[in-house]
Amino acid sequence: MKKLLLVLVKLKKVAIFKKKVLIFLLALLLFVFVFLFFSFYGSWWRFWPQSIKASIAINRLAVSVYNNSDCRDFCYFEQLNYEKVISESLNNKRIFNRLIRVIFNENDNLNWRLRALGIILKSEIIDLEYFLGKAQKFINNPEGSHQIKQRLILSFKTDLDYAQYLDELRFEILDGKLNSSEIKESLSFLLILNELSSDLVLEILNKSSDVSLIKDFVSKISSSNYYSLVSDDYRLEYASVLEKIFLKFNNYDLRSLIIFSLADFLSENLKEDYSSLLQKLYFHEESDKFSKFLIADILNSYSDKNYAYPEISQVEWEDYYNFSS
């Protein structure tokens, strides 16, 4: 009987011990689960070693950029924090190569690729020769993203060969293979590189049917910073192109912009050619009366002739301003 009691006591102790071990294991698993959960979905990821922390930051930044590439307030500062963690780990080849794969992967999100490129460009590149080799190969690939290529070229102008790419880019601009936004960005890129010739400017304006693009381009050329885009030898030809655009598009904003651009030539150089162009537009049957009113006001300031102002009612002026805005 004593032996039986001793056996039962031992069994009870073993059961209690096993229960305690089980409770301990469950508590440990629960702790690990909670730690992992709050590491990947909360703020505990900061407690991980630097390389793991950077990997988590890359994942989080990617998701954030995918969802909102141009976020503000809390999201903006959150993304900056992720970038800081990643930048601090770029001396780690695994982290560096992971960003390289993102940048040159055409199947990945473009905003995320540009953000990854920005992180590398703002840091000291641990293997510049390797990076430039990847960049050159990407630039030589006709299928590569223009935005990635252009940012690489602007960052490493003296280290990369991009003459062939510039020829391809000019062809795609003129051939209509790029959308309006891409053309605007590419023209700004060519302008920074001083690779935007007067011939190319005139050809783009002659071929384009995008009013928004033409307005943006003419506005740039009219500003003092970009006036040299059309050299003196091309001024009269440029004015003739503006005349064709004026008659091609019945757009109040574009037409008034063209009139003021032609007036700039008139105020700088009192050549009869520029005056004749404005007179031609004034008398042209396709010219709207609002444009005629504006042209008459300009011509009356620069000549002895008296150009009649078209009659326009108050209601028509209100409609005109509402339409323009």
Protein backbone atom coordinates (compact mmCIF):
# COMPACT_ATOMS: atom_id res chain seq x y z
CA MET A 1 0.00 0.00 0.00
CA LYS A 2 2.88 2.33 0.86
CA LYS A 3 4.53 1.61 -2.45
CA LEU A 4 1.34 2.40 -4.27
CA LEU A 5 1.03 5.71 -2.46
CA LEU A 6 4.64 6.55 -3.29
CA VAL A 7 4.00 5.74 -6.97
CA LEU A 8 0.90 7.92 -6.98
CA VAL A 9 2.81 10.79 -5.32
CA LYS A 10 5.58 10.49 -7.93
CA LEU A 11 3.07 10.38 -10.75
CA LYS A 12 1.39 13.45 -9.33
CA LYS A 13 4.71 15.28 -9.12
CA VAL A 14 5.56 14.27 -12.70
CA ALA A 15 2.15 15.46 -13.86
CA ILE A 16 2.61 18.76 -12.02
CA PHE A 17 6.12 19.15 -13.52
CA LYS A 18 4.86 18.37 -17.01
CA LYS A 19 2.05 20.82 -16.53
CA LYS A 20 4.52 23.50 -15.45
CA VAL A 21 6.75 22.72 -18.45
CA LEU A 22 3.75 22.86 -20.76
CA ILE A 23 2.62 26.17 -19.27
CA PHE A 24 6.18 27.48 -19.62
CA LEU A 25 6.39 26.38 -23.25
CA LEU A 26 2.99 27.85 -24.04
CA ALA A 27 3.98 31.12 -22.34
CA LEU A 28 7.25 31.10 -24.28
CA LEU A 29 5.44 30.47 -27.57
CA LEU A 30 2.96 33.18 -26.75
CA PHE A 31 5.79 35.59 -25.97
CA VAL A 32 7.56 34.71 -29.22
CA PHE A 33 4.31 35.13 -31.16
CA VAL A 34 3.58 38.49 -29.51
CA PHE A 35 7.17 39.64 -30.06
CA LEU A 36 7.10 38.63 -33.73
CA PHE A 37 3.66 40.15 -34.22
CA PHE A 38 4.63 43.50 -32.75
CA SER A 39 7.99 43.32 -34.53
CA PHE A 40 6.40 43.01 -37.95
CA TYR A 41 3.23 44.99 -37.32
CA GLY A 42 4.16 47.24 -34.41
CA SER A 43 7.17 49.14 -33.10
CA TRP A 44 9.16 46.28 -31.56
CA TRP A 45 11.10 45.74 -34.81
CA ARG A 46 13.59 48.31 -33.47
CA PHE A 47 14.89 45.73 -30.96
CA TRP A 48 16.17 43.38 -33.67
CA PRO A 49 19.85 43.34 -34.82
CA GLN A 50 20.69 46.03 -37.40
CA SER A 51 20.60 43.84 -40.53
CA ILE A 52 17.23 42.27 -39.63
CA LYS A 53 15.91 45.67 -38.63
CA ALA A 54 16.95 47.05 -42.05
CA SER A 55 15.21 44.15 -43.85
CA ILE A 56 12.00 44.87 -41.95
CA ALA A 57 12.38 48.59 -42.74
CA ILE A 58 12.73 47.77 -46.46
CA ASN A 59 9.53 45.70 -46.39
CA ARG A 60 7.63 48.37 -44.49
CA LEU A 61 8.85 51.20 -46.70
CA ALA A 62 7.95 49.24 -49.82
CA VAL A 63 4.39 48.67 -48.60
CA SER A 64 4.06 52.32 -47.56
CA VAL A 65 5.31 53.61 -50.94
CA TYR A 66 3.09 51.16 -52.82
CA ASN A 67 0.06 52.44 -50.93
CA ASN A 68 0.98 56.12 -50.82
CA SER A 69 4.07 57.35 -52.66
CA ASP A 70 3.39 61.00 -51.88
CA CYS A 71 2.14 60.86 -48.31
CA ARG A 72 2.18 63.68 -45.77
CA ASP A 73 2.15 64.14 -41.98
CA PHE A 74 2.67 60.90 -39.97
CA CYS A 75 3.17 58.72 -43.02
CA TYR A 76 5.89 61.05 -44.34
CA PHE A 77 7.92 60.94 -41.12
CA GLU A 78 7.38 57.20 -40.83
CA GLN A 79 8.88 56.70 -44.30
CA LEU A 80 11.81 58.95 -43.41
CA ASN A 81 12.48 56.79 -40.35
CA TYR A 82 12.52 53.62 -42.48
CA GLU A 83 14.91 55.30 -44.92
CA LYS A 84 17.23 56.26 -42.07
CA VAL A 85 17.39 52.68 -40.80
CA ILE A 86 18.08 51.36 -44.31
CA SER A 87 20.77 53.98 -44.99
CA GLU A 88 22.56 53.04 -41.77
CA SER A 89 22.81 49.44 -43.03
CA LEU A 90 23.97 50.03 -46.62
CA ASN A 91 27.48 48.87 -45.70
CA ASN A 92 25.86 45.43 -45.38
CA LYS A 93 26.19 43.77 -48.82
CA ARG A 94 22.96 41.82 -48.42
CA ILE A 95 20.95 44.99 -47.78
CA PHE A 96 22.80 46.86 -50.54
CA ASN A 97 22.20 44.09 -53.10
CA ARG A 98 18.55 43.85 -52.14
CA LEU A 99 18.05 47.53 -53.02
CA ILE A 100 20.02 47.03 -56.25
CA ARG A 101 17.62 44.25 -57.27
CA VAL A 102 14.67 46.54 -56.58
CA ILE A 103 16.08 49.44 -58.62
CA PHE A 104 16.80 47.43 -61.76
CA ASN A 105 13.72 45.21 -61.64
CA GLU A 106 11.33 46.43 -64.35
CA ASN A 107 8.48 44.38 -62.87
CA ASP A 108 8.56 46.23 -59.54
CA ASN A 109 6.64 49.37 -58.61
CA LEU A 110 8.30 52.44 -60.20
CA ASN A 111 7.76 54.73 -57.20
CA TRP A 112 9.35 52.17 -54.91
CA ARG A 113 12.29 51.74 -57.32
CA LEU A 114 12.86 55.49 -57.43
CA ARG A 115 12.73 55.66 -53.63
CA ALA A 116 15.25 52.81 -53.35
CA LEU A 117 17.52 54.58 -55.83
CA GLY A 118 17.21 57.79 -53.84
CA ILE A 119 18.32 56.01 -50.66
CA ILE A 120 21.46 54.69 -52.37
CA LEU A 121 22.29 58.01 -54.02
CA LYS A 122 22.08 59.83 -50.68
CA SER A 123 24.53 57.37 -49.08
CA GLU A 124 28.12 56.38 -49.69
CA ILE A 125 28.01 53.52 -52.20
CA ILE A 126 30.11 50.66 -50.85
CA ASP A 127 30.91 49.17 -54.29
CA LEU A 128 30.66 52.02 -56.79
CA GLU A 129 32.22 50.09 -59.67
CA TYR A 130 29.69 47.28 -59.31
CA PHE A 131 26.80 49.76 -59.08
CA LEU A 132 27.96 51.73 -62.15
CA GLY A 133 28.29 48.49 -64.10
CA LYS A 134 24.67 47.63 -63.27
CA ALA A 135 23.63 51.19 -64.15
CA GLN A 136 25.41 51.13 -67.53
CA LYS A 137 23.84 47.81 -68.43
CA PHE A 138 20.43 49.19 -67.53
CA ILE A 139 20.95 52.37 -69.59
CA ASN A 140 21.97 50.27 -72.60
CA ASN A 141 18.72 48.30 -72.35
CA PRO A 142 16.09 49.97 -74.60
CA GLU A 143 13.29 48.61 -72.39
CA GLY A 144 14.49 50.23 -69.16
CA SER A 145 12.47 52.89 -67.35
CA HIS A 146 13.26 56.44 -68.53
CA GLN A 147 12.89 57.88 -65.04
CA ILE A 148 15.44 55.47 -63.57
CA LYS A 149 17.84 56.01 -66.47
CA GLN A 150 17.59 59.78 -66.32
CA ARG A 151 18.17 59.92 -62.59
CA LEU A 152 21.21 57.68 -62.93
CA ILE A 153 22.64 59.81 -65.73
CA LEU A 154 22.11 63.08 -63.86
CA SER A 155 23.81 61.58 -60.80
CA PHE A 156 26.79 60.07 -62.67
CA LYS A 157 27.16 62.21 -65.81
CA THR A 158 30.92 61.70 -66.04
CA ASP A 159 30.89 57.98 -65.25
CA LEU A 160 28.27 56.68 -67.69
CA ASP A 161 28.02 56.48 -71.48
CA TYR A 162 24.56 57.69 -72.45
CA ALA A 163 24.94 59.14 -75.98
CA GLN A 164 22.97 56.29 -77.54
CA TYR A 165 20.23 56.66 -74.94
CA LEU A 166 19.84 60.37 -75.76
CA ASP A 167 19.31 59.49 -79.44
CA GLU A 168 16.73 56.86 -78.47
CA LEU A 169 14.99 59.33 -76.18
CA ARG A 170 14.74 62.03 -78.86
CA PHE A 171 13.30 59.46 -81.28
CA GLU A 172 10.69 58.29 -78.77
CA ILE A 173 9.67 61.88 -77.98
CA LEU A 174 9.14 62.69 -81.66
CA ASP A 175 7.57 59.32 -82.46
CA GLY A 176 4.84 59.76 -79.85
CA LYS A 177 5.89 56.72 -77.82
CA LEU A 178 5.90 58.66 -74.54
CA ASN A 179 2.92 60.12 -72.69
CA SER A 180 2.66 63.81 -71.86
CA SER A 181 4.14 63.47 -68.38
CA GLU A 182 7.11 61.42 -69.65
CA ILE A 183 7.76 63.95 -72.43
CA LYS A 184 7.77 66.87 -69.97
CA GLU A 185 10.18 65.05 -67.66
CA SER A 186 12.40 64.04 -70.59
CA LEU A 187 12.51 67.58 -71.96
CA SER A 188 13.54 68.90 -68.55
CA PHE A 189 16.20 66.18 -68.44
CA LEU A 190 17.56 67.16 -71.87
CA LEU A 191 17.49 70.80 -70.83
CA ILE A 192 19.59 70.13 -67.72
CA LEU A 193 22.12 68.28 -69.88
CA ASN A 194 22.09 71.14 -72.41
CA GLU A 195 21.01 68.62 -75.07
CA LEU A 196 17.80 70.38 -76.17
CA SER A 197 18.50 71.97 -79.54
CA SER A 198 16.38 74.59 -81.32
CA ASP A 199 15.71 72.08 -84.11
CA LEU A 200 14.31 69.59 -81.62
CA VAL A 201 12.19 72.29 -79.94
CA LEU A 202 10.58 73.28 -83.24
CA GLU A 203 10.05 69.67 -84.30
CA ILE A 204 8.33 68.81 -81.03
CA LEU A 205 6.02 71.81 -81.30
CA ASN A 206 5.20 71.01 -84.92
CA LYS A 207 4.34 67.38 -84.21
CA SER A 208 2.66 67.55 -80.81
CA SER A 209 -1.13 67.46 -80.50
CA ASP A 210 -1.09 67.71 -76.69
CA VAL A 211 -2.30 71.19 -75.70
CA SER A 212 -1.05 70.80 -72.13
CA LEU A 213 2.44 69.88 -73.32
CA ILE A 214 2.56 72.74 -75.83
CA LYS A 215 1.43 75.25 -73.20
CA ASP A 216 4.07 74.02 -70.78
CA PHE A 217 6.76 74.17 -73.44
CA VAL A 218 5.84 77.62 -74.78
CA SER A 219 5.64 78.95 -71.21
CA LYS A 220 9.16 77.68 -70.54
CA ILE A 221 10.54 79.22 -73.72
CA SER A 222 8.87 82.53 -72.90
CA SER A 223 10.52 82.71 -69.47
CA SER A 224 13.90 84.37 -69.13
CA ASN A 225 15.52 81.19 -67.79
CA TYR A 226 14.78 79.20 -70.95
CA TYR A 227 14.79 81.91 -73.59
CA SER A 228 17.96 80.48 -75.13
CA LEU A 229 16.04 77.33 -76.14
CA VAL A 230 15.27 79.15 -79.38
CA SER A 231 18.43 80.80 -80.67
CA ASP A 232 18.34 84.09 -82.60
CA ASP A 233 18.56 82.33 -85.97
CA TYR A 234 15.40 80.37 -85.16
CA ARG A 235 13.26 83.15 -83.69
CA LEU A 236 11.28 83.92 -86.83
CA GLU A 237 10.77 80.22 -87.57
CA TYR A 238 9.60 79.73 -83.99
CA ALA A 239 7.13 82.60 -84.39
CA SER A 240 5.77 80.93 -87.55
CA VAL A 241 5.33 77.67 -85.64
CA LEU A 242 3.40 79.54 -82.95
CA GLU A 243 1.12 80.94 -85.64
CA LYS A 244 0.36 77.43 -86.92
CA ILE A 245 -0.36 76.21 -83.39
CA PHE A 246 -2.63 79.20 -82.78
CA LEU A 247 -4.77 78.28 -85.80
CA LYS A 248 -4.63 74.55 -85.08
CA PHE A 249 -6.05 74.70 -81.55
CA ASN A 250 -9.06 76.74 -80.53
CA ASN A 251 -7.94 77.00 -76.91
CA TYR A 252 -8.21 80.38 -75.17
CA ASP A 253 -5.33 79.84 -72.74
CA LEU A 254 -2.96 78.56 -75.41
CA ARG A 255 -3.89 81.30 -77.84
CA SER A 256 -3.38 84.09 -75.30
CA LEU A 257 -0.02 82.56 -74.35
CA ILE A 258 1.04 82.55 -78.00
CA ILE A 259 -0.08 86.15 -78.48
CA PHE A 260 1.97 87.30 -75.49
CA SER A 261 4.95 85.27 -76.72
CA LEU A 262 4.77 86.96 -80.12
CA ALA A 263 4.39 90.30 -78.37
CA ASP A 264 7.66 89.63 -76.52
CA PHE A 265 9.44 89.35 -79.86
CA LEU A 266 7.74 92.52 -80.99
CA SER A 267 8.80 94.47 -77.93
CA GLU A 268 12.40 93.32 -78.20
CA ASN A 269 12.84 93.68 -81.94
CA LEU A 270 10.55 95.91 -83.96
CA LYS A 271 10.80 93.80 -87.10
CA GLU A 272 7.92 93.97 -89.52
CA ASP A 273 7.81 90.16 -89.65
CA TYR A 274 6.53 89.78 -86.10
CA SER A 275 4.04 92.58 -86.54
CA SER A 276 2.81 90.97 -89.77
CA LEU A 277 2.25 87.66 -87.97
CA LEU A 278 0.05 89.32 -85.36
CA GLN A 279 -1.83 91.24 -88.06
CA LYS A 280 -2.39 87.97 -89.95
CA LEU A 281 -3.84 86.36 -86.83
CA TYR A 282 -5.99 89.42 -86.17
CA PHE A 283 -7.61 89.26 -89.62
CA HIS A 284 -7.76 85.46 -89.88
CA GLU A 285 -11.28 84.02 -90.04
CA GLU A 286 -10.36 81.26 -87.57
CA SER A 287 -9.33 83.78 -84.92
CA ASP A 288 -11.80 84.19 -82.05
CA LYS A 289 -12.86 87.65 -80.95
CA PHE A 290 -11.15 87.41 -77.56
CA SER A 291 -7.82 86.79 -79.27
CA LYS A 292 -8.54 89.61 -81.72
CA PHE A 293 -9.22 91.92 -78.79
CA LEU A 294 -5.87 91.04 -77.23
CA ILE A 295 -3.98 91.36 -80.53
CA ALA A 296 -5.62 94.73 -81.25
CA ASP A 297 -4.52 95.99 -77.84
CA ILE A 298 -0.91 94.94 -78.53
CA LEU A 299 -0.76 96.22 -82.12
CA ASN A 300 -2.26 99.58 -81.14
CA SER A 301 0.63 99.95 -78.68
CA TYR A 302 3.26 99.34 -81.36
CA SER A 303 1.86 101.04 -84.46
CA ASP A 304 0.15 104.20 -85.63
CA LYS A 305 -2.76 102.21 -87.04
CA ASN A 306 -5.96 101.88 -85.11
CA TYR A 307 -7.09 98.26 -84.88
CA ALA A 308 -10.73 97.97 -83.93
CA TYR A 309 -11.65 96.06 -80.77
CA PRO A 310 -14.31 93.38 -81.31
CA GLU A 311 -17.53 93.94 -79.39
CA ILE A 312 -17.69 91.59 -76.41
CA SER A 313 -20.44 91.68 -73.84
CA GLN A 314 -19.93 91.42 -70.09
CA VAL A 315 -21.57 87.99 -70.10
CA GLU A 316 -19.19 86.80 -72.82
CA TRP A 317 -16.19 88.07 -70.84
CA GLU A 318 -17.42 86.20 -67.78
CA ASP A 319 -17.86 83.03 -69.80
CA TYR A 320 -14.37 83.52 -71.27
CA TYR A 321 -12.73 83.88 -67.86
CA ASN A 322 -14.69 80.96 -66.45
CA PHE A 323 -13.64 78.81 -69.40
CA SER A 324 -9.99 79.88 -69.10
CA SER A 325 -9.82 79.16 -65.40
